[in-house]
């Protein structure tokens, strides 16, 4: 990941070093392209729950907004990250408060358009996180008995929201725009095949000169 750090105007040098390392650990997972495949395929892997309410991130952000449009609504991000593995993938990171809960928010862009929003919760008890699950289900009027850690809420546009329980508990808002996801899948497949192609070029080059 390559970082641009607007936070340099806010924090001292030592604090910048801490935060850049901390955020690197959070965002480094996106260097592994299999992470995106798992994210995109989660709808088919889990039970689907329909909602009539259009899913938006932070109640204000529609999918497919440009980076400038997002900054106009959300302000300047704390950090901007450029993915070295998946070209044209950019992440804005914000620090937000949702009610009484402090959270970090990732807003992901591909080819300049928003396709994914993520809330991260890393310092809360299980009972507090269960309340998050309950509020989401109430917001999207789902009467499903299953948790959003096991299901996916999908709106009429195909947009989805679901919870992931990894090292950090997260709420994920994913676009349903087929063209974006199809292009992203192609780019991910290219990223996977690139290391092999590079090794083959090195092998062929050695074959010509040894």
C-alpha atoms as a PDB file:
ATOM      1  CA  UNK A   1       0.000   0.000   0.000  1.00  0.00           C
ATOM      2  CA  UNK A   2       1.160   3.512  -0.828  1.00  0.00           C
ATOM      3  CA  UNK A   3      -0.041   6.173   1.587  1.00  0.00           C
ATOM      4  CA  UNK A   4      -0.730   9.873   1.403  1.00  0.00           C
ATOM      5  CA  UNK A   5      -0.989  11.227   4.942  1.00  0.00           C
ATOM      6  CA  UNK A   6      -3.119  14.368   5.405  1.00  0.00           C
ATOM      7  CA  UNK A   7      -2.785  13.636   9.137  1.00  0.00           C
ATOM      8  CA  UNK A   8       0.769  15.078   9.043  1.00  0.00           C
ATOM      9  CA  UNK A   9      -0.763  18.513   9.671  1.00  0.00           C
ATOM     10  CA  UNK A  10      -2.585  17.203  12.746  1.00  0.00           C
ATOM     11  CA  UNK A  11      -0.153  14.923  14.583  1.00  0.00           C
ATOM     12  CA  UNK A  12       3.466  15.151  15.690  1.00  0.00           C
ATOM     13  CA  UNK A  13       6.162  13.119  13.916  1.00  0.00           C
ATOM     14  CA  UNK A  14       6.015  10.249  16.447  1.00  0.00           C
ATOM     15  CA  UNK A  15       2.221  10.134  16.283  1.00  0.00           C
ATOM     16  CA  UNK A  16       2.328  10.105  12.480  1.00  0.00           C
ATOM     17  CA  UNK A  17       4.691   7.115  12.592  1.00  0.00           C
ATOM     18  CA  UNK A  18       2.320   5.282  14.947  1.00  0.00           C
ATOM     19  CA  UNK A  19      -0.802   6.019  12.931  1.00  0.00           C
ATOM     20  CA  UNK A  20       0.754   5.212   9.563  1.00  0.00           C
ATOM     21  CA  UNK A  21       1.873   1.813  10.926  1.00  0.00           C
ATOM     22  CA  UNK A  22      -1.507   1.208  12.549  1.00  0.00           C
ATOM     23  CA  UNK A  23      -3.444   2.036   9.392  1.00  0.00           C
ATOM     24  CA  UNK A  24      -1.058  -0.045   7.311  1.00  0.00           C
ATOM     25  CA  UNK A  25      -1.997  -3.104   9.371  1.00  0.00           C
ATOM     26  CA  UNK A  26      -5.693  -2.358   8.811  1.00  0.00           C
ATOM     27  CA  UNK A  27      -5.428  -1.771   5.064  1.00  0.00           C
ATOM     28  CA  UNK A  28      -2.746  -4.327   4.209  1.00  0.00           C
ATOM     29  CA  UNK A  29      -5.391  -7.048   3.789  1.00  0.00           C
ATOM     30  CA  UNK A  30      -6.419  -5.437   0.502  1.00  0.00           C
ATOM     31  CA  UNK A  31      -3.025  -6.324  -0.995  1.00  0.00           C
ATOM     32  CA  UNK A  32      -4.314  -9.915  -1.077  1.00  0.00           C
ATOM     33  CA  UNK A  33      -6.667 -10.093  -4.056  1.00  0.00           C
ATOM     34  CA  UNK A  34      -8.433 -13.177  -2.658  1.00  0.00           C
ATOM     35  CA  UNK A  35      -9.931 -10.844  -0.030  1.00  0.00           C
ATOM     36  CA  UNK A  36     -11.951  -9.110  -2.761  1.00  0.00           C
ATOM     37  CA  UNK A  37     -13.133 -12.385  -4.275  1.00  0.00           C
ATOM     38  CA  UNK A  38     -14.424 -13.469  -0.866  1.00  0.00           C
ATOM     39  CA  UNK A  39     -16.131 -10.119  -0.397  1.00  0.00           C
ATOM     40  CA  UNK A  40     -17.813 -10.163  -3.808  1.00  0.00           C
ATOM     41  CA  UNK A  41     -18.899 -13.805  -3.475  1.00  0.00           C
ATOM     42  CA  UNK A  42     -20.352 -13.413   0.000  1.00  0.00           C
ATOM     43  CA  UNK A  43     -23.901 -12.976  -1.380  1.00  0.00           C
ATOM     44  CA  UNK A  44     -23.890 -16.495  -2.798  1.00  0.00           C
ATOM     45  CA  UNK A  45     -22.233 -17.929   0.306  1.00  0.00           C
ATOM     46  CA  UNK A  46     -24.801 -16.559   2.775  1.00  0.00           C
ATOM     47  CA  UNK A  47     -28.573 -16.421   3.029  1.00  0.00           C
ATOM     48  CA  UNK A  48     -30.044 -13.303   1.386  1.00  0.00           C
ATOM     49  CA  UNK A  49     -32.549 -11.016   3.124  1.00  0.00           C
ATOM     50  CA  UNK A  50     -34.449  -8.491   0.977  1.00  0.00           C
ATOM     51  CA  UNK A  51     -35.117  -4.881   1.973  1.00  0.00           C
ATOM     52  CA  UNK A  52     -37.129  -2.189   0.185  1.00  0.00           C
ATOM     53  CA  UNK A  53     -34.888   0.546   1.602  1.00  0.00           C
ATOM     54  CA  UNK A  54     -32.023   1.657  -0.632  1.00  0.00           C
ATOM     55  CA  UNK A  55     -28.710   0.922   1.055  1.00  0.00           C
ATOM     56  CA  UNK A  56     -26.375   3.903   1.460  1.00  0.00           C
ATOM     57  CA  UNK A  57     -23.122   4.257   3.348  1.00  0.00           C
ATOM     58  CA  UNK A  58     -23.278   6.675   6.288  1.00  0.00           C
ATOM     59  CA  UNK A  59     -26.871   7.464   5.185  1.00  0.00           C
ATOM     60  CA  UNK A  60     -25.428  10.049   2.784  1.00  0.00           C
ATOM     61  CA  UNK A  61     -23.250   8.275   0.265  1.00  0.00           C
ATOM     62  CA  UNK A  62     -24.721   6.612  -2.791  1.00  0.00           C
ATOM     63  CA  UNK A  63     -22.568   4.097  -4.598  1.00  0.00           C
ATOM     64  CA  UNK A  64     -20.787   5.293  -7.742  1.00  0.00           C
ATOM     65  CA  UNK A  65     -20.000   8.749  -6.318  1.00  0.00           C
ATOM     66  CA  UNK A  66     -16.670  10.239  -7.411  1.00  0.00           C
ATOM     67  CA  UNK A  67     -13.799  10.885  -5.008  1.00  0.00           C
ATOM     68  CA  UNK A  68     -14.452  14.642  -5.149  1.00  0.00           C
ATOM     69  CA  UNK A  69     -18.159  14.142  -4.403  1.00  0.00           C
ATOM     70  CA  UNK A  70     -17.335  12.012  -1.365  1.00  0.00           C
ATOM     71  CA  UNK A  71     -14.852  14.585  -0.040  1.00  0.00           C
ATOM     72  CA  UNK A  72     -17.451  17.321  -0.473  1.00  0.00           C
ATOM     73  CA  UNK A  73     -19.871  15.357   1.744  1.00  0.00           C
ATOM     74  CA  UNK A  74     -17.451  13.752   4.229  1.00  0.00           C
ATOM     75  CA  UNK A  75     -14.585  16.247   4.283  1.00  0.00           C
ATOM     76  CA  UNK A  76     -10.914  15.391   3.844  1.00  0.00           C
ATOM     77  CA  UNK A  77      -9.943  11.830   4.826  1.00  0.00           C
ATOM     78  CA  UNK A  78      -7.419  11.122   7.556  1.00  0.00           C
ATOM     79  CA  UNK A  79      -5.496   8.952   5.120  1.00  0.00           C
ATOM     80  CA  UNK A  80      -5.541   8.025   1.428  1.00  0.00           C
ATOM     81  CA  UNK A  81      -4.189   4.651   0.310  1.00  0.00           C
ATOM     82  CA  UNK A  82      -3.333   3.448  -3.207  1.00  0.00           C
ATOM     83  CA  UNK A  83      -3.376  -0.308  -3.801  1.00  0.00           C
ATOM     84  CA  UNK A  84      -0.204  -1.511  -5.521  1.00  0.00           C
ATOM     85  CA  UNK A  85      -1.768  -4.881  -6.448  1.00  0.00           C
ATOM     86  CA  UNK A  86      -5.183  -3.796  -7.715  1.00  0.00           C
ATOM     87  CA  UNK A  87      -4.616  -0.779  -9.935  1.00  0.00           C
ATOM     88  CA  UNK A  88      -7.136   2.095  -9.790  1.00  0.00           C
ATOM     89  CA  UNK A  89      -8.203   0.967  -6.287  1.00  0.00           C
ATOM     90  CA  UNK A  90      -8.044   3.864  -3.820  1.00  0.00           C
ATOM     91  CA  UNK A  91      -9.150   3.926  -0.165  1.00  0.00           C
ATOM     92  CA  UNK A  92     -10.152   6.974   1.890  1.00  0.00           C
ATOM     93  CA  UNK A  93     -10.008   6.427   5.650  1.00  0.00           C
ATOM     94  CA  UNK A  94     -12.015   8.492   8.146  1.00  0.00           C
ATOM     95  CA  UNK A  95     -12.468   8.533  11.911  1.00  0.00           C
ATOM     96  CA  UNK A  96     -16.185   8.818  12.766  1.00  0.00           C
ATOM     97  CA  UNK A  97     -18.594   8.514  15.652  1.00  0.00           C
ATOM     98  CA  UNK A  98     -21.808   6.498  15.240  1.00  0.00           C
ATOM     99  CA  UNK A  99     -23.927   7.364  18.255  1.00  0.00           C
ATOM    100  CA  UNK A 100     -21.772   6.431  21.263  1.00  0.00           C
ATOM    101  CA  UNK A 101     -19.407   4.274  19.225  1.00  0.00           C
ATOM    102  CA  UNK A 102     -16.143   5.472  17.735  1.00  0.00           C
ATOM    103  CA  UNK A 103     -15.325   3.836  14.436  1.00  0.00           C
ATOM    104  CA  UNK A 104     -12.981   4.019  11.499  1.00  0.00           C
ATOM    105  CA  UNK A 105     -14.556   4.160   8.067  1.00  0.00           C
ATOM    106  CA  UNK A 106     -13.040   3.022   4.788  1.00  0.00           C
ATOM    107  CA  UNK A 107     -14.470   4.300   1.510  1.00  0.00           C
ATOM    108  CA  UNK A 108     -13.225   2.369  -1.509  1.00  0.00           C
ATOM    109  CA  UNK A 109     -13.061   3.595  -5.081  1.00  0.00           C
ATOM    110  CA  UNK A 110     -12.365   1.712  -8.266  1.00  0.00           C
ATOM    111  CA  UNK A 111     -11.595   3.745 -11.371  1.00  0.00           C
ATOM    112  CA  UNK A 112     -12.607   6.877  -9.447  1.00  0.00           C
ATOM    113  CA  UNK A 113     -16.045   5.615  -8.334  1.00  0.00           C
ATOM    114  CA  UNK A 114     -17.182   4.469  -4.896  1.00  0.00           C
ATOM    115  CA  UNK A 115     -18.020   0.759  -4.740  1.00  0.00           C
ATOM    116  CA  UNK A 116     -17.473  -0.230  -1.091  1.00  0.00           C
ATOM    117  CA  UNK A 117     -17.848   1.335   2.353  1.00  0.00           C
ATOM    118  CA  UNK A 118     -16.651  -0.299   5.571  1.00  0.00           C
ATOM    119  CA  UNK A 119     -17.075   0.550   9.272  1.00  0.00           C
ATOM    120  CA  UNK A 120     -14.427  -0.930  11.575  1.00  0.00           C
ATOM    121  CA  UNK A 121     -15.017  -1.623  15.281  1.00  0.00           C
ATOM    122  CA  UNK A 122     -11.962  -2.840  17.170  1.00  0.00           C
ATOM    123  CA  UNK A 123     -12.486  -1.885  20.827  1.00  0.00           C
ATOM    124  CA  UNK A 124     -15.959  -2.972  21.826  1.00  0.00           C
ATOM    125  CA  UNK A 125     -17.569  -5.781  23.802  1.00  0.00           C
ATOM    126  CA  UNK A 126     -19.600  -8.519  22.185  1.00  0.00           C
ATOM    127  CA  UNK A 127     -22.838  -7.155  23.682  1.00  0.00           C
ATOM    128  CA  UNK A 128     -22.153  -3.710  22.173  1.00  0.00           C
ATOM    129  CA  UNK A 129     -21.523  -5.266  18.762  1.00  0.00           C
ATOM    130  CA  UNK A 130     -24.724  -7.294  19.000  1.00  0.00           C
ATOM    131  CA  UNK A 131     -26.579  -3.987  19.346  1.00  0.00           C
ATOM    132  CA  UNK A 132     -25.011  -2.875  16.058  1.00  0.00           C
ATOM    133  CA  UNK A 133     -26.388  -6.019  14.402  1.00  0.00           C
ATOM    134  CA  UNK A 134     -29.842  -5.385  15.891  1.00  0.00           C
ATOM    135  CA  UNK A 135     -29.928  -1.717  14.796  1.00  0.00           C
ATOM    136  CA  UNK A 136     -28.991  -2.664  11.224  1.00  0.00           C
ATOM    137  CA  UNK A 137     -31.763  -5.259  11.036  1.00  0.00           C
ATOM    138  CA  UNK A 138     -34.286  -2.737  12.372  1.00  0.00           C
ATOM    139  CA  UNK A 139     -33.096  -0.037   9.961  1.00  0.00           C
ATOM    140  CA  UNK A 140     -33.600  -2.240   6.920  1.00  0.00           C
ATOM    141  CA  UNK A 141     -36.849  -3.734   8.280  1.00  0.00           C
ATOM    142  CA  UNK A 142     -35.670  -7.316   8.199  1.00  0.00           C
ATOM    143  CA  UNK A 143     -37.461  -9.860  10.372  1.00  0.00           C
ATOM    144  CA  UNK A 144     -34.825 -12.506   9.760  1.00  0.00           C
ATOM    145  CA  UNK A 145     -33.801 -14.432  12.846  1.00  0.00           C
ATOM    146  CA  UNK A 146     -30.257 -14.809  11.558  1.00  0.00           C
ATOM    147  CA  UNK A 147     -27.519 -12.344  12.404  1.00  0.00           C
ATOM    148  CA  UNK A 148     -25.943 -10.202   9.681  1.00  0.00           C
ATOM    149  CA  UNK A 149     -22.774 -12.127  10.437  1.00  0.00           C
ATOM    150  CA  UNK A 150     -24.539 -15.055   8.718  1.00  0.00           C
ATOM    151  CA  UNK A 151     -26.746 -13.306   6.153  1.00  0.00           C
ATOM    152  CA  UNK A 152     -26.686 -10.427   3.658  1.00  0.00           C
ATOM    153  CA  UNK A 153     -29.281  -7.653   3.312  1.00  0.00           C
ATOM    154  CA  UNK A 154     -29.895  -6.774  -0.369  1.00  0.00           C
ATOM    155  CA  UNK A 155     -31.847  -3.767  -1.669  1.00  0.00           C
ATOM    156  CA  UNK A 156     -33.812  -3.424  -4.969  1.00  0.00           C
ATOM    157  CA  UNK A 157     -30.652  -2.141  -6.724  1.00  0.00           C
ATOM    158  CA  UNK A 158     -28.590  -5.148  -5.692  1.00  0.00           C
ATOM    159  CA  UNK A 159     -26.559  -3.188  -3.133  1.00  0.00           C
ATOM    160  CA  UNK A 160     -25.804  -5.157   0.005  1.00  0.00           C
ATOM    161  CA  UNK A 161     -24.800  -4.766   3.640  1.00  0.00           C
ATOM    162  CA  UNK A 162     -23.362  -7.476   5.887  1.00  0.00           C
ATOM    163  CA  UNK A 163     -21.123  -7.963   8.905  1.00  0.00           C
ATOM    164  CA  UNK A 164     -17.753  -9.712   8.891  1.00  0.00           C
ATOM    165  CA  UNK A 165     -16.112 -11.077  12.016  1.00  0.00           C
ATOM    166  CA  UNK A 166     -12.418 -11.157  11.217  1.00  0.00           C
ATOM    167  CA  UNK A 167      -9.598  -9.796  13.344  1.00  0.00           C
ATOM    168  CA  UNK A 168     -11.650  -6.587  13.330  1.00  0.00           C
ATOM    169  CA  UNK A 169     -15.458  -6.566  13.404  1.00  0.00           C
ATOM    170  CA  UNK A 170     -16.723  -4.726  10.323  1.00  0.00           C
ATOM    171  CA  UNK A 171     -19.928  -3.635   8.584  1.00  0.00           C
ATOM    172  CA  UNK A 172     -19.539  -3.806   4.806  1.00  0.00           C
ATOM    173  CA  UNK A 173     -21.639  -1.912   2.242  1.00  0.00           C
ATOM    174  CA  UNK A 174     -21.081  -3.234  -1.284  1.00  0.00           C
ATOM    175  CA  UNK A 175     -22.389  -1.890  -4.595  1.00  0.00           C
ATOM    176  CA  UNK A 176     -24.733  -4.021  -6.649  1.00  0.00           C
ATOM    177  CA  UNK A 177     -23.657  -2.396  -9.919  1.00  0.00           C
ATOM    178  CA  UNK A 178     -22.806  -5.383 -12.169  1.00  0.00           C
ATOM    179  CA  UNK A 179     -20.448  -3.464 -14.456  1.00  0.00           C
ATOM    180  CA  UNK A 180     -18.255  -2.379 -11.540  1.00  0.00           C
ATOM    181  CA  UNK A 181     -18.090  -5.842 -10.004  1.00  0.00           C
ATOM    182  CA  UNK A 182     -17.473  -7.563 -13.363  1.00  0.00           C
ATOM    183  CA  UNK A 183     -14.600  -5.210 -14.210  1.00  0.00           C
ATOM    184  CA  UNK A 184     -13.168  -5.596 -10.722  1.00  0.00           C
ATOM    185  CA  UNK A 185     -13.278  -9.399 -11.018  1.00  0.00           C
ATOM    186  CA  UNK A 186     -11.362  -9.211 -14.301  1.00  0.00           C
ATOM    187  CA  UNK A 187      -8.729  -6.956 -12.743  1.00  0.00           C
ATOM    188  CA  UNK A 188      -8.425  -9.274  -9.763  1.00  0.00           C
ATOM    189  CA  UNK A 189      -7.879 -12.248 -12.048  1.00  0.00           C
ATOM    190  CA  UNK A 190      -5.200 -10.265 -13.884  1.00  0.00           C
ATOM    191  CA  UNK A 191      -3.530  -9.464 -10.564  1.00  0.00           C
ATOM    192  CA  UNK A 192      -3.444 -13.152  -9.661  1.00  0.00           C
ATOM    193  CA  UNK A 193      -1.932 -14.172 -12.992  1.00  0.00           C
ATOM    194  CA  UNK A 194       0.647 -11.366 -13.040  1.00  0.00           C
ATOM    195  CA  UNK A 195       3.212 -12.991 -10.697  1.00  0.00           C
ATOM    196  CA  UNK A 196       3.261 -16.152 -12.843  1.00  0.00           C
ATOM    197  CA  UNK A 197       3.699 -14.113 -16.035  1.00  0.00           C
ATOM    198  CA  UNK A 198       6.555 -12.228 -14.422  1.00  0.00           C
ATOM    199  CA  UNK A 199       8.246 -15.463 -13.368  1.00  0.00           C
ATOM    200  CA  UNK A 200       7.814 -16.829 -16.898  1.00  0.00           C
ATOM    201  CA  UNK A 201       9.437 -13.733 -18.422  1.00  0.00           C
ATOM    202  CA  UNK A 202      12.391 -14.107 -16.066  1.00  0.00           C
ATOM    203  CA  UNK A 203      12.656 -17.816 -16.949  1.00  0.00           C
ATOM    204  CA  UNK A 204      12.551 -17.054 -20.699  1.00  0.00           C
ATOM    205  CA  UNK A 205      15.122 -14.303 -20.305  1.00  0.00           C
ATOM    206  CA  UNK A 206      17.489 -16.630 -18.453  1.00  0.00           C
ATOM    207  CA  UNK A 207      16.966 -19.297 -21.111  1.00  0.00           C
ATOM    208  CA  UNK A 208      18.183 -16.907 -23.781  1.00  0.00           C
ATOM    209  CA  UNK A 209      21.297 -15.830 -21.925  1.00  0.00           C
ATOM    210  CA  UNK A 210      22.525 -18.884 -19.998  1.00  0.00           C
END
